């Protein structure tokens, strides 16, 4: 379930959907894909910010169709990395955030 809370009625919502494998082998990159959508069009050049358990990772460019992807190799000691992707908003859109968690397995 996705809940969008609109605090600025003059702006459109920003919805982010994320997909990642439920489990991933320890020591191998986790591949995360996503899509940024809204009823109103986004600016041409946009990025989303990414964190893993609160640690900032490089920003990711969003393609014209709203899709994006990134990969990350979490530390071996981390059992459940959680990735949070955020669109900061713009003149026409409120910010949007989504989170996905992966279990690292031996």
Protein backbone atom coordinates (compact mmCIF):
# COMPACT_ATOMS: atom_id res chain seq x y z
CA UNK A 1 0.00 0.00 0.00
CA UNK A 2 1.28 3.44 -0.89
CA UNK A 3 0.04 6.46 1.02
CA UNK A 4 0.71 9.88 -0.42
CA UNK A 5 0.13 12.74 1.99
CA UNK A 6 -0.21 15.99 0.10
CA UNK A 7 0.69 19.00 2.21
CA UNK A 8 0.82 21.46 -0.68
CA UNK A 9 -2.29 21.16 -2.83
CA UNK A 10 -0.69 23.28 -5.55
CA UNK A 11 1.87 20.50 -6.17
CA UNK A 12 1.51 16.98 -7.58
CA UNK A 13 2.52 13.87 -5.67
CA UNK A 14 5.80 12.05 -6.33
CA UNK A 15 5.45 8.27 -6.11
CA UNK A 16 8.49 5.99 -6.01
CA UNK A 17 8.25 2.23 -6.44
CA UNK A 18 11.26 0.02 -5.69
CA UNK A 19 12.16 -3.55 -6.52
CA UNK A 20 15.02 -5.63 -5.12
CA UNK A 21 15.56 -9.33 -4.57
CA UNK A 22 14.20 -10.52 -1.20
CA UNK A 23 17.54 -12.29 -0.58
CA UNK A 24 21.02 -11.68 -1.97
CA UNK A 25 24.32 -13.56 -1.45
CA UNK A 26 26.76 -11.93 1.00
CA UNK A 27 29.59 -10.13 -0.80
CA UNK A 28 27.74 -9.64 -4.08
CA UNK A 29 26.07 -6.45 -5.34
CA UNK A 30 22.41 -5.87 -4.57
CA UNK A 31 20.58 -4.65 -7.69
CA UNK A 32 17.74 -2.21 -7.01
CA UNK A 33 15.41 -0.86 -9.69
CA UNK A 34 12.76 1.79 -9.33
CA UNK A 35 10.36 4.15 -10.98
CA UNK A 36 9.39 7.73 -10.18
CA UNK A 37 5.85 8.63 -11.26
CA UNK A 38 3.37 11.47 -10.97
CA UNK A 39 0.32 12.80 -12.75
CA UNK A 40 2.36 15.93 -13.62
CA UNK A 41 5.51 15.69 -15.72
CA UNK A 42 8.90 15.96 -14.01
CA UNK A 43 11.78 18.26 -14.96
CA UNK A 44 14.03 16.83 -17.69
CA UNK A 45 17.12 16.30 -15.52
CA UNK A 46 16.34 14.77 -12.17
CA UNK A 47 18.06 12.58 -9.60
CA UNK A 48 17.04 10.64 -6.54
CA UNK A 49 19.07 10.33 -3.38
CA UNK A 50 19.89 6.90 -1.98
CA UNK A 51 20.83 5.77 1.51
CA UNK A 52 21.64 2.36 2.95
CA UNK A 53 20.69 2.18 6.62
CA UNK A 54 21.11 5.95 6.87
CA UNK A 55 24.49 6.09 5.07
CA UNK A 56 24.43 8.24 1.93
CA UNK A 57 25.22 6.52 -1.37
CA UNK A 58 25.77 8.30 -4.71
CA UNK A 59 22.75 10.05 -6.23
CA UNK A 60 21.11 8.21 -9.12
CA UNK A 61 19.97 9.77 -12.41
CA UNK A 62 16.36 9.16 -13.39
CA UNK A 63 15.68 8.38 -17.06
CA UNK A 64 13.04 10.24 -19.06
CA UNK A 65 10.58 7.37 -18.55
CA UNK A 66 11.00 7.67 -14.77
CA UNK A 67 13.04 4.49 -14.30
CA UNK A 68 16.33 4.25 -12.44
CA UNK A 69 18.62 1.56 -11.08
CA UNK A 70 21.65 1.18 -8.88
CA UNK A 71 23.72 -1.57 -7.31
CA UNK A 72 25.51 -1.66 -3.99
CA UNK A 73 27.62 -4.22 -2.14
CA UNK A 74 26.76 -3.94 1.56
CA UNK A 75 29.35 -4.81 4.21
CA UNK A 76 29.54 -8.53 5.03
CA UNK A 77 28.40 -7.95 8.62
CA UNK A 78 25.14 -6.32 7.52
CA UNK A 79 22.28 -8.86 7.52
CA UNK A 80 19.35 -6.66 6.45
CA UNK A 81 20.41 -3.65 4.38
CA UNK A 82 17.59 -1.17 3.92
CA UNK A 83 17.67 1.16 0.93
CA UNK A 84 15.75 4.44 1.02
CA UNK A 85 15.27 6.42 -2.18
CA UNK A 86 14.04 10.01 -2.04
CA UNK A 87 12.98 12.53 -4.66
CA UNK A 88 13.42 15.97 -3.07
CA UNK A 89 10.52 17.56 -4.89
CA UNK A 90 10.58 20.53 -7.24
CA UNK A 91 8.45 23.52 -8.23
CA UNK A 92 5.60 21.21 -9.36
CA UNK A 93 6.03 18.16 -7.09
CA UNK A 94 6.12 17.35 -3.40
CA UNK A 95 8.95 15.08 -2.18
CA UNK A 96 8.56 11.31 -2.38
CA UNK A 97 10.27 8.45 -0.55
CA UNK A 98 10.29 4.66 -0.75
CA UNK A 99 12.19 1.93 1.12
CA UNK A 100 13.12 -1.66 0.33
CA UNK A 101 14.93 -4.20 2.51
CA UNK A 102 17.05 -7.18 1.41
CA UNK A 103 18.23 -10.16 3.48
CA UNK A 104 21.88 -11.10 2.91
CA UNK A 105 22.41 -14.86 2.93
CA UNK A 106 25.52 -17.05 2.97
